[in-house]
Amino acid sequence: MEVEVVAGLAGLVGLAIGLATGLAVRVSERAQQAVHAPAPTSGLPPGVASVLSVLPSSAVVVDAEDRVLRASSAARAFGMVSGDRLVVDELLAMARLVRRDGEIREMELQVGTARGRRDGRWFAVRVAPLGTHGLVLVLAEDLTEQRRVEAIRRDFVANVSHELKTPVGALQLLAETVEGAADDPEAVRRFAGRMQHESIRLTNLVHDLITLARVQNDEPLPELRTVPLDGIATEAIDRCRLKASAKNIDLATGGRLGLKVRGDEELLTTALRNLVDNAVAYSPENTRVVIATRVAEDEHVEISVTDQGIGIPDADLERIFERFYRVDPARSRQTGGTGLGLAIVKHVTTKHGGEVTVWSKEGSGSTFTLRLPLLHSSPAPELDSEMDTVREATP
């Protein structure tokens, strides 16, 4: 009898333990589900939080009391939201109007212009009601880069128009003068020479515009080939030889021979010729311009153009590669420059995966350096270990 009682008690205990264990497992599973389940966003309609998380625009949801229920990281980074408040007054005013009448509103505004700053970011803003309970959705798309490109385009068109007016107007005036001086052969010859000068200037401007349009787009250069730097240095010097001879300026080369890069030979020659042409134009008579090449670190090659010219003021060094920017506009027009040469140099170098740098000191000259990826090293010897050892390039 006692054995049966003990056996019965043991069975009851086992059943109790089994029930307790099962209950504990169920409680544990529910706890784990609660831990891994996404935390609900208070007040947001179902699925809205997931949609907002993948939107490319800055997104903010505000409730009936103007508190921010949800804000994307971009909205906080751009300074639209601080804590749980929408801190841009224009956005807050739009949100209140939308909440009041339920109409969707759109506008463009600039954010970040406090304290007299003018470098804020532009946004296309769309504000709409979100469900019920007074929720409002604010979406802001960053237009800053688009505005910058549009400003550059407007400036470019204005500058081109201005630059074209000068030679075209001069040609028209000279043509009228020649017509009126038909009985004076000497005057006709003189004015015809001026017309030829202006037509060359106009041709150079159009050529530079075409070259700049070719290299400043995002498309890769077609048909890249092996380009020997010795060859483009010789070609650049040949194209500038006449102008250098008129000022008795020696053109010379130095540094490492046999270096090669991969690229567009005509564009690289144009870039180097622009540097040599500038060096000659801004150098006094009886001086020297040197093109030197060397192998740099990280499998790059550097080709530099050094002159003994007037130099560039420190204040202008950061802007000289801008289109149509001139340190001395009067001198630049006197030398026949288009104002696009250094901009072309910069874009050509960037197009070839390189960079251009400049060192200059007023009264001591300038050195412009093109840094390009090296195709391969050549066993050809250097002319000399010192870069100031050069070989004459003029006859």
Protein backbone atom coordinates (compact mmCIF):
# COMPACT_ATOMS: atom_id res chain seq x y z
CA MET A 1 0.00 0.00 0.00
CA GLU A 2 2.75 2.43 0.90
CA VAL A 3 4.53 1.55 -2.37
CA GLU A 4 1.43 2.42 -4.40
CA VAL A 5 1.00 5.73 -2.54
CA VAL A 6 4.65 6.65 -3.13
CA ALA A 7 4.34 5.73 -6.81
CA GLY A 8 1.22 7.87 -7.14
CA LEU A 9 2.87 10.83 -5.48
CA ALA A 10 5.90 10.43 -7.75
CA GLY A 11 3.64 10.50 -10.79
CA LEU A 12 1.92 13.65 -9.63
CA VAL A 13 5.28 15.32 -8.98
CA GLY A 14 6.51 14.33 -12.45
CA LEU A 15 3.34 15.71 -14.05
CA ALA A 16 3.73 18.96 -12.15
CA ILE A 17 7.37 19.28 -13.20
CA GLY A 18 6.42 18.61 -16.84
CA LEU A 19 3.70 21.26 -16.76
CA ALA A 20 6.04 23.75 -15.12
CA THR A 21 8.75 23.06 -17.67
CA GLY A 22 6.36 23.52 -20.59
CA LEU A 23 5.07 26.76 -19.11
CA ALA A 24 8.61 28.01 -18.63
CA VAL A 25 9.48 27.23 -22.26
CA ARG A 26 6.42 29.11 -23.52
CA VAL A 27 7.21 32.12 -21.37
CA SER A 28 10.82 32.09 -22.60
CA GLU A 29 9.73 31.92 -26.25
CA ARG A 30 7.39 34.88 -25.81
CA ALA A 31 10.13 36.84 -24.08
CA GLN A 32 12.52 36.17 -26.95
CA GLN A 33 9.90 37.23 -29.49
CA ALA A 34 9.37 40.43 -27.56
CA VAL A 35 13.11 41.12 -27.56
CA HIS A 36 13.58 40.53 -31.30
CA ALA A 37 10.38 42.18 -32.47
CA PRO A 38 10.80 45.79 -33.79
CA ALA A 39 9.85 48.41 -31.29
CA PRO A 40 6.65 50.14 -32.36
CA THR A 41 6.89 53.79 -33.35
CA SER A 42 4.31 55.56 -31.25
CA GLY A 43 1.63 57.24 -33.30
CA LEU A 44 2.84 56.18 -36.77
CA PRO A 45 0.50 54.23 -39.05
CA PRO A 46 1.60 50.63 -39.73
CA GLY A 47 4.41 50.32 -42.28
CA VAL A 48 5.21 54.03 -42.43
CA ALA A 49 8.44 53.69 -40.45
CA SER A 50 9.72 51.05 -42.89
CA VAL A 51 8.93 53.23 -45.90
CA LEU A 52 10.59 56.30 -44.41
CA SER A 53 13.76 54.36 -43.65
CA VAL A 54 14.41 53.71 -47.37
CA LEU A 55 13.50 57.13 -48.76
CA PRO A 56 16.46 59.00 -50.31
CA SER A 57 15.06 62.37 -49.18
CA SER A 58 15.27 63.85 -45.71
CA ALA A 59 12.08 62.80 -43.91
CA VAL A 60 10.42 64.12 -40.75
CA VAL A 61 7.09 63.16 -39.16
CA VAL A 62 5.57 65.60 -36.65
CA ASP A 63 2.51 65.07 -34.47
CA ALA A 64 -0.35 67.35 -33.56
CA GLU A 65 1.81 69.13 -30.96
CA ASP A 66 4.68 69.75 -33.43
CA ARG A 67 6.81 67.09 -31.79
CA VAL A 68 9.04 65.03 -34.06
CA LEU A 69 7.97 61.37 -33.98
CA ARG A 70 10.54 60.25 -36.53
CA ALA A 71 13.40 61.94 -38.41
CA SER A 72 15.93 60.53 -40.83
CA SER A 73 19.63 60.91 -40.12
CA ALA A 74 19.93 63.24 -43.13
CA ALA A 75 17.29 65.58 -41.68
CA ARG A 76 19.26 65.81 -38.44
CA ALA A 77 22.58 66.19 -40.24
CA PHE A 78 21.25 69.10 -42.30
CA GLY A 79 20.05 70.85 -39.14
CA MET A 80 16.30 70.51 -39.72
CA VAL A 81 15.67 68.65 -36.45
CA SER A 82 17.08 69.10 -32.96
CA GLY A 83 15.91 66.70 -30.29
CA ASP A 84 12.18 66.25 -30.84
CA ARG A 85 11.62 69.61 -32.51
CA LEU A 86 11.55 70.85 -36.09
CA VAL A 87 13.85 73.88 -35.86
CA VAL A 88 13.44 75.38 -39.34
CA ASP A 89 10.74 78.01 -38.99
CA GLU A 90 9.54 77.78 -42.60
CA LEU A 91 9.09 74.00 -42.34
CA LEU A 92 7.25 74.29 -39.05
CA ALA A 93 4.90 76.93 -40.49
CA MET A 94 4.18 74.74 -43.52
CA ALA A 95 3.48 71.73 -41.30
CA ARG A 96 0.94 73.71 -39.28
CA LEU A 97 -0.84 74.95 -42.42
CA VAL A 98 -1.03 71.43 -43.84
CA ARG A 99 -2.36 70.10 -40.54
CA ARG A 100 -5.03 72.81 -40.51
CA ASP A 101 -6.44 72.47 -44.05
CA GLY A 102 -5.08 69.08 -45.20
CA GLU A 103 -3.64 70.47 -48.44
CA ILE A 104 -0.24 69.34 -49.74
CA ARG A 105 2.29 72.17 -50.05
CA GLU A 106 5.60 72.48 -51.91
CA MET A 107 8.37 75.05 -51.87
CA GLU A 108 12.14 75.54 -52.21
CA LEU A 109 14.10 76.97 -49.32
CA GLN A 110 17.66 77.41 -48.09
CA VAL A 111 18.73 75.94 -44.77
CA GLY A 112 21.81 76.88 -42.78
CA THR A 113 22.11 80.60 -43.59
CA ALA A 114 22.06 81.87 -40.02
CA ARG A 115 24.44 84.56 -38.80
CA GLY A 116 24.90 86.10 -42.21
CA ARG A 117 26.15 82.93 -43.87
CA ARG A 118 25.35 82.50 -47.55
CA ASP A 119 26.53 78.93 -48.00
CA GLY A 120 23.39 77.12 -46.86
CA ARG A 121 21.92 74.12 -48.67
CA TRP A 122 18.90 74.33 -50.96
CA PHE A 123 16.01 71.89 -50.63
CA ALA A 124 12.83 71.09 -52.55
CA VAL A 125 10.30 70.58 -49.76
CA ARG A 126 6.97 68.72 -49.91
CA VAL A 127 4.69 68.67 -46.86
CA ALA A 128 1.62 66.43 -46.71
CA PRO A 129 -0.86 65.09 -44.12
CA LEU A 130 -0.11 61.57 -42.89
CA GLY A 131 -3.19 59.61 -41.91
CA THR A 132 -5.24 60.93 -39.02
CA HIS A 133 -4.48 62.33 -35.56
CA GLY A 134 -2.79 65.46 -36.98
CA LEU A 135 0.37 63.76 -38.25
CA VAL A 136 2.31 65.62 -40.97
CA LEU A 137 5.07 64.29 -43.22
CA VAL A 138 7.90 66.62 -44.34
CA LEU A 139 10.10 65.47 -47.24
CA ALA A 140 13.12 67.54 -48.31
CA GLU A 141 15.27 66.75 -51.37
CA ASP A 142 18.76 68.27 -51.46
CA LEU A 143 19.11 70.59 -54.49
CA THR A 144 22.45 72.12 -53.54
CA GLU A 145 24.54 70.38 -56.20
CA GLN A 146 21.92 71.07 -58.85
CA ARG A 147 21.89 74.76 -57.91
CA ARG A 148 25.70 74.86 -58.01
CA VAL A 149 25.80 73.32 -61.49
CA GLU A 150 23.15 75.75 -62.72
CA ALA A 151 25.13 78.70 -61.34
CA ILE A 152 28.29 77.45 -63.05
CA ARG A 153 26.40 77.07 -66.31
CA ARG A 154 24.98 80.60 -66.10
CA ASP A 155 28.40 82.06 -65.32
CA PHE A 156 29.93 80.07 -68.16
CA VAL A 157 27.39 81.31 -70.70
CA ALA A 158 27.83 84.89 -69.48
CA ASN A 159 31.62 84.64 -69.69
CA VAL A 160 31.56 83.08 -73.15
CA SER A 161 29.20 85.78 -74.39
CA HIS A 162 31.48 88.47 -73.00
CA GLU A 163 34.63 86.90 -74.46
CA LEU A 164 33.05 86.49 -77.89
CA LYS A 165 31.84 90.07 -78.04
CA THR A 166 35.37 91.50 -78.02
CA PRO A 167 36.85 89.82 -81.12
CA VAL A 168 33.54 89.80 -83.00
CA GLY A 169 32.99 93.49 -82.32
CA ALA A 170 36.59 94.27 -83.24
CA LEU A 171 36.26 92.39 -86.53
CA GLN A 172 33.09 94.27 -87.40
CA LEU A 173 34.67 97.63 -86.63
CA LEU A 174 37.86 96.81 -88.54
CA ALA A 175 35.86 95.63 -91.55
CA GLU A 176 34.00 98.95 -91.63
CA THR A 177 37.29 100.81 -91.31
CA VAL A 178 38.87 98.87 -94.16
CA GLU A 179 35.86 99.61 -96.33
CA GLY A 180 36.24 103.30 -95.64
CA ALA A 181 39.98 103.26 -96.33
CA ALA A 182 39.82 101.47 -99.66
CA ASP A 183 41.92 104.20 -101.31
CA ASP A 184 44.71 103.93 -98.69
CA PRO A 185 46.68 100.69 -99.25
CA GLU A 186 48.82 101.21 -96.16
CA ALA A 187 45.78 101.59 -93.90
CA VAL A 188 44.18 98.53 -95.50
CA ARG A 189 47.26 96.43 -94.79
CA ARG A 190 47.43 97.67 -91.20
CA PHE A 191 43.77 97.01 -90.48
CA ALA A 192 43.91 93.66 -92.28
CA GLY A 193 46.68 92.63 -89.89
CA ARG A 194 44.49 93.60 -86.94
CA MET A 195 41.63 91.60 -88.41
CA GLN A 196 43.87 88.58 -88.73
CA HIS A 197 44.91 88.97 -85.08
CA GLU A 198 41.30 89.13 -83.89
CA SER A 199 40.28 86.18 -86.07
CA ILE A 200 43.10 84.08 -84.58
CA ARG A 201 41.96 85.07 -81.11
CA LEU A 202 38.40 84.07 -81.97
CA THR A 203 39.58 80.75 -83.42
CA ASN A 204 41.62 80.00 -80.29
CA LEU A 205 38.64 80.76 -78.06
CA VAL A 206 36.35 78.43 -80.02
CA HIS A 207 39.01 75.69 -80.01
CA ASP A 208 39.49 75.99 -76.25
CA LEU A 209 35.73 75.86 -75.67
CA ILE A 210 35.48 72.66 -77.71
CA THR A 211 38.42 71.11 -75.83
CA LEU A 212 37.01 72.09 -72.45
CA ALA A 213 33.60 70.64 -73.33
CA ARG A 214 35.33 67.40 -74.29
CA VAL A 215 37.25 66.93 -71.04
CA GLN A 216 34.87 68.28 -68.39
CA ASN A 217 32.10 65.71 -68.88
CA ASP A 218 31.86 62.43 -67.00
CA GLU A 219 32.44 60.16 -69.97
CA PRO A 220 35.75 58.24 -70.09
CA LEU A 221 38.28 59.06 -72.77
CA PRO A 222 38.08 56.70 -75.76
CA GLU A 223 41.05 54.87 -77.29
CA LEU A 224 43.69 55.50 -74.65
CA ARG A 225 47.17 54.70 -75.88
CA THR A 226 50.75 54.60 -74.64
CA VAL A 227 52.04 58.17 -74.61
CA PRO A 228 55.79 58.93 -74.26
CA LEU A 229 56.34 62.06 -72.20
CA ASP A 230 59.45 62.92 -74.24
CA GLY A 231 57.27 63.17 -77.32
CA ILE A 232 54.62 65.45 -75.85
CA ALA A 233 57.32 67.67 -74.33
CA THR A 234 58.97 68.07 -77.73
CA GLU A 235 55.64 68.75 -79.42
CA ALA A 236 54.61 71.33 -76.80
CA ILE A 237 57.93 73.14 -77.20
CA ASP A 238 57.65 73.14 -80.99
CA ARG A 239 54.22 74.76 -80.81
CA CYS A 240 55.54 77.53 -78.52
CA ARG A 241 58.91 78.02 -80.17
CA LEU A 242 57.96 81.04 -82.31
CA LYS A 243 56.52 82.99 -79.38
CA ALA A 244 59.56 82.14 -77.22
CA SER A 245 62.01 83.19 -79.94
CA ALA A 246 60.32 86.59 -80.22
CA LYS A 247 61.23 87.22 -76.54
CA ASN A 248 64.58 85.43 -76.70
CA ILE A 249 63.38 82.88 -74.13
CA ASP A 250 65.25 79.57 -73.99
CA LEU A 251 63.08 76.45 -73.96
CA ALA A 252 64.79 73.44 -72.39
CA THR A 253 64.00 69.94 -71.14
CA GLY A 254 65.52 67.91 -68.34
CA GLY A 255 65.04 65.02 -65.95
CA ARG A 256 64.26 61.38 -66.69
CA LEU A 257 63.99 60.12 -70.27
CA GLY A 258 61.74 57.34 -71.58
CA LEU A 259 58.81 57.78 -69.18
CA LYS A 260 55.37 56.80 -70.48
CA VAL A 261 51.75 57.17 -69.43
CA ARG A 262 48.47 55.87 -70.81
CA GLY A 263 46.13 58.48 -72.22
CA ASP A 264 45.13 60.76 -75.06
CA GLU A 265 48.29 62.15 -76.65
CA GLU A 266 46.63 65.20 -78.20
CA LEU A 267 44.96 66.24 -74.93
CA LEU A 268 48.15 65.76 -72.91
CA THR A 269 50.11 67.76 -75.49
CA THR A 270 47.49 70.52 -75.31
CA ALA A 271 47.71 70.64 -71.51
CA LEU A 272 51.50 70.82 -71.52
CA ARG A 273 51.52 73.35 -74.36
CA ASN A 274 49.14 75.58 -72.36
CA LEU A 275 51.57 75.52 -69.43
CA VAL A 276 54.56 76.33 -71.65
CA ASP A 277 52.59 79.03 -73.46
CA ASN A 278 51.65 80.65 -70.15
CA ALA A 279 55.24 80.44 -68.93
CA VAL A 280 56.48 82.23 -72.05
CA ALA A 281 53.69 84.83 -71.97
CA TYR A 282 54.35 85.82 -68.36
CA SER A 283 58.15 85.71 -68.44
CA PRO A 284 60.44 88.64 -69.25
CA GLU A 285 62.82 88.57 -72.17
CA ASN A 286 66.12 86.67 -72.02
CA THR A 287 64.91 84.11 -69.45
CA ARG A 288 64.44 80.34 -69.52
CA VAL A 289 61.50 77.94 -69.37
CA VAL A 290 62.28 74.34 -68.41
CA ILE A 291 60.18 71.18 -68.84
CA ALA A 292 61.40 68.42 -66.48
CA THR A 293 60.18 64.85 -65.93
CA ARG A 294 60.81 62.51 -63.04
CA VAL A 295 59.47 59.35 -61.42
CA ALA A 296 57.52 60.07 -58.24
CA GLU A 297 56.40 57.75 -55.48
CA ASP A 298 53.34 55.49 -55.75
CA GLU A 299 53.98 54.61 -59.40
CA HIS A 300 53.42 58.14 -60.67
CA VAL A 301 55.35 60.42 -62.96
CA GLU A 302 55.62 64.19 -62.68
CA ILE A 303 56.19 66.58 -65.54
CA SER A 304 56.81 70.17 -64.49
CA VAL A 305 57.10 73.52 -66.27
CA THR A 306 59.26 76.11 -64.51
CA ASP A 307 59.68 79.74 -65.54
CA GLN A 308 61.45 82.85 -64.28
CA GLY A 309 58.42 85.04 -64.75
CA ILE A 310 56.41 87.50 -62.69
CA GLY A 311 54.88 84.85 -60.41
CA ILE A 312 51.35 84.60 -59.03
CA PRO A 313 50.04 86.34 -55.87
CA ASP A 314 49.07 84.00 -53.04
CA ALA A 315 45.50 85.29 -53.09
CA ASP A 316 45.06 84.09 -56.69
CA LEU A 317 46.65 80.65 -56.45
CA GLU A 318 43.41 78.90 -55.45
CA ARG A 319 41.45 80.38 -58.35
CA ILE A 320 43.80 80.26 -61.32
CA PHE A 321 42.30 76.97 -62.56
CA GLU A 322 38.80 78.45 -62.80
CA ARG A 323 37.41 79.09 -66.25
CA PHE A 324 37.98 82.67 -67.47
CA TYR A 325 39.74 83.65 -64.25
CA ARG A 326 42.64 85.99 -64.91
CA VAL A 327 45.17 87.33 -62.41
CA ASP A 328 45.75 90.34 -64.65
CA PRO A 329 42.90 90.66 -67.20
CA ALA A 330 44.56 93.47 -69.16
CA ARG A 331 47.84 91.56 -69.53
CA SER A 332 46.04 88.33 -70.38
CA ARG A 333 44.14 89.94 -73.24
CA GLN A 334 47.32 91.63 -74.41
CA THR A 335 49.04 88.24 -74.66
CA GLY A 336 46.03 86.75 -76.46
CA GLY A 337 44.95 84.38 -73.70
CA THR A 338 41.41 83.02 -73.64
CA GLY A 339 41.22 82.48 -69.89
CA LEU A 340 40.56 78.76 -70.42
CA GLY A 341 44.10 77.37 -70.64
CA LEU A 342 44.60 76.39 -67.00
CA ALA A 343 41.02 75.10 -66.70
CA ILE A 344 41.79 72.78 -69.62
CA VAL A 345 45.03 71.68 -67.92
CA LYS A 346 43.15 70.79 -64.75
CA HIS A 347 40.39 68.83 -66.50
CA VAL A 348 42.78 66.99 -68.81
CA THR A 349 44.93 65.93 -65.85
CA THR A 350 41.90 64.82 -63.82
CA LYS A 351 40.59 62.92 -66.84
CA HIS A 352 43.84 60.92 -66.84
CA GLY A 353 43.61 60.07 -63.15
CA GLY A 354 46.14 62.68 -62.08
CA GLU A 355 46.35 66.13 -60.55
CA VAL A 356 48.01 69.47 -61.22
CA THR A 357 49.76 71.57 -58.57
CA VAL A 358 51.44 74.94 -58.64
CA TRP A 359 54.22 76.67 -56.71
CA SER A 360 54.76 80.36 -57.28
CA LYS A 361 56.36 83.40 -55.74
CA GLU A 362 55.89 86.92 -57.00
CA GLY A 363 58.99 88.10 -58.81
CA SER A 364 60.63 84.66 -58.74
CA GLY A 365 58.59 82.63 -61.21
CA SER A 366 56.26 79.64 -61.08
CA THR A 367 56.35 75.86 -61.37
CA PHE A 368 53.31 73.92 -62.58
CA THR A 369 53.47 70.15 -62.09
CA LEU A 370 51.34 67.47 -63.75
CA ARG A 371 51.23 64.25 -61.74
CA LEU A 372 50.06 61.21 -63.75
CA PRO A 373 49.97 57.43 -63.24
CA LEU A 374 53.16 55.86 -64.63
CA LEU A 375 52.61 53.22 -67.30
CA HIS A 376 55.95 51.53 -66.70
CA SER A 377 59.49 52.51 -65.77
CA SER A 378 62.09 52.77 -68.48
CA PRO A 379 65.71 51.71 -68.11
CA ALA A 380 66.77 54.85 -69.95
CA PRO A 381 69.29 56.86 -67.89
CA GLU A 382 68.54 60.20 -66.38
CA LEU A 383 70.18 63.21 -67.92
CA ASP A 384 71.56 64.11 -64.54
CA SER A 385 70.70 63.59 -60.91
CA GLU A 386 69.99 67.29 -60.53
CA MET A 387 66.76 68.56 -62.03
CA ASP A 388 68.35 71.87 -63.02
CA THR A 389 70.56 70.09 -65.55
CA VAL A 390 68.76 70.58 -68.83
CA ARG A 391 69.29 70.24 -72.51
CA GLU A 392 68.48 73.11 -74.82
CA ALA A 393 65.34 72.75 -76.90
CA THR A 394 65.75 75.88 -79.01
CA PRO A 395 67.96 75.94 -82.10
